Amino acid sequence: MAINTHHQVGEINNVRCSIVEQSVNSERAEYLKSILTFNGYEVEVAQKGDESFDVGVTDLLFNTEMAINGRYLKTKEGKVITPEVWKQPAKMLVESH
């Protein structure tokens, strides 16, 4: 059992990753990839059969909540990524069946 249940490790594209978000639409996956790549993370994105995507980073110590609440992530303009910025765009999750 994980000490922090919000930190998930899994495989994306046969690469061990810290899971950032699962079952997101393509727009959300691109948005996350652009933020994480800009901040120096190697990002893995895998499409699932139902047109949803899983997003992860190869840094196994990466924790999404710690990165956002710890103010570690920045935008291209140099501003801190807040929870509000992270949650954009509005329609981010693919509806579950």
Protein backbone atom coordinates (compact mmCIF):
# COMPACT_ATOMS: atom_id res chain seq x y z
CA MET A 1 0.00 0.00 0.00
CA ALA A 2 1.27 3.44 -0.91
CA ILE A 3 1.94 5.99 1.80
CA ASN A 4 0.36 8.69 -0.36
CA THR A 5 -2.68 7.30 -2.16
CA HIS A 6 -2.68 10.28 -4.53
CA HIS A 7 0.68 9.26 -5.96
CA GLN A 8 0.21 6.44 -8.46
CA VAL A 9 2.93 4.67 -10.38
CA GLY A 10 2.12 2.63 -13.46
CA GLU A 11 3.18 1.90 -17.01
CA ILE A 12 2.41 4.09 -19.98
CA ASN A 13 3.78 2.96 -23.34
CA ASN A 14 5.77 0.26 -21.49
CA VAL A 15 7.58 2.93 -19.45
CA ARG A 16 7.30 3.20 -15.64
CA CYS A 17 5.71 6.54 -14.87
CA SER A 18 4.16 8.61 -12.14
CA ILE A 19 0.56 8.88 -13.29
CA VAL A 20 -0.47 12.51 -13.63
CA GLU A 21 -4.06 12.04 -14.86
CA GLN A 22 -6.05 9.20 -16.36
CA SER A 23 -8.94 9.09 -18.81
CA VAL A 24 -8.65 12.65 -20.07
CA ASN A 25 -9.62 13.94 -23.51
CA SER A 26 -7.03 14.84 -26.16
CA GLU A 27 -7.25 18.58 -25.43
CA ARG A 28 -6.51 18.00 -21.72
CA ALA A 29 -3.68 15.56 -22.52
CA GLU A 30 -2.00 18.13 -24.80
CA TYR A 31 -2.45 20.86 -22.19
CA LEU A 32 -0.83 18.74 -19.46
CA LYS A 33 1.96 17.61 -21.78
CA SER A 34 2.82 21.21 -22.68
CA ILE A 35 2.97 22.30 -19.01
CA LEU A 36 5.00 19.30 -17.87
CA THR A 37 7.41 19.36 -20.83
CA PHE A 38 8.05 23.07 -20.31
CA ASN A 39 8.91 22.31 -16.66
CA GLY A 40 11.50 19.74 -17.70
CA TYR A 41 9.61 16.47 -17.32
CA GLU A 42 9.66 13.65 -19.83
CA VAL A 43 5.98 13.00 -20.55
CA GLU A 44 4.32 9.79 -21.71
CA VAL A 45 0.81 9.89 -23.20
CA ALA A 46 -1.12 6.77 -24.17
CA GLN A 47 -4.45 6.61 -25.94
CA LYS A 48 -7.02 4.22 -24.58
CA GLY A 49 -9.56 2.47 -26.78
CA ASP A 50 -12.38 4.89 -25.97
CA GLU A 51 -10.63 8.07 -27.19
CA SER A 52 -9.35 8.94 -23.76
CA PHE A 53 -5.73 9.34 -22.72
CA ASP A 54 -3.50 8.60 -19.74
CA VAL A 55 -0.71 11.08 -18.96
CA GLY A 56 2.38 10.38 -16.89
CA VAL A 57 5.94 11.52 -16.32
CA THR A 58 9.01 9.32 -16.15
CA ASP A 59 10.13 10.89 -12.86
CA LEU A 60 8.79 8.32 -10.40
CA LEU A 61 9.04 10.81 -7.54
CA PHE A 62 6.73 13.33 -9.24
CA ASN A 63 3.55 13.97 -7.27
CA THR A 64 0.93 16.18 -8.89
CA GLU A 65 -0.48 17.55 -5.64
CA MET A 66 2.97 18.34 -4.26
CA ALA A 67 4.02 20.02 -7.51
CA ILE A 68 0.95 22.26 -7.62
CA ASN A 69 0.59 23.04 -3.92
CA GLY A 70 4.35 23.39 -3.52
CA ARG A 71 4.34 25.91 -6.38
CA TYR A 72 7.01 23.99 -8.32
CA LEU A 73 5.42 24.30 -11.77
CA LYS A 74 5.53 27.47 -13.86
CA THR A 75 3.83 28.69 -17.03
CA LYS A 76 5.83 29.81 -20.07
CA GLU A 77 5.30 33.36 -18.82
CA GLY A 78 7.01 32.46 -15.52
CA LYS A 79 3.84 32.50 -13.41
CA VAL A 80 3.19 29.81 -10.81
CA ILE A 81 0.73 27.08 -11.81
CA THR A 82 -2.11 27.31 -9.30
CA PRO A 83 -4.86 24.70 -8.89
CA GLU A 84 -7.13 26.94 -10.99
CA VAL A 85 -4.62 27.09 -13.85
CA TRP A 86 -3.98 23.34 -13.61
CA LYS A 87 -7.69 22.56 -13.94
CA GLN A 88 -8.05 24.42 -17.26
CA PRO A 89 -9.47 23.83 -19.89
CA ALA A 90 -12.98 23.49 -18.52
CA LYS A 91 -13.96 20.25 -20.25
CA MET A 92 -10.95 18.24 -19.14
CA LEU A 93 -12.22 14.78 -18.28
CA VAL A 94 -13.83 12.33 -20.61
CA GLU A 95 -17.17 11.21 -19.25
CA SER A 96 -16.94 7.79 -17.69
CA HIS A 97 -19.24 5.05 -18.83
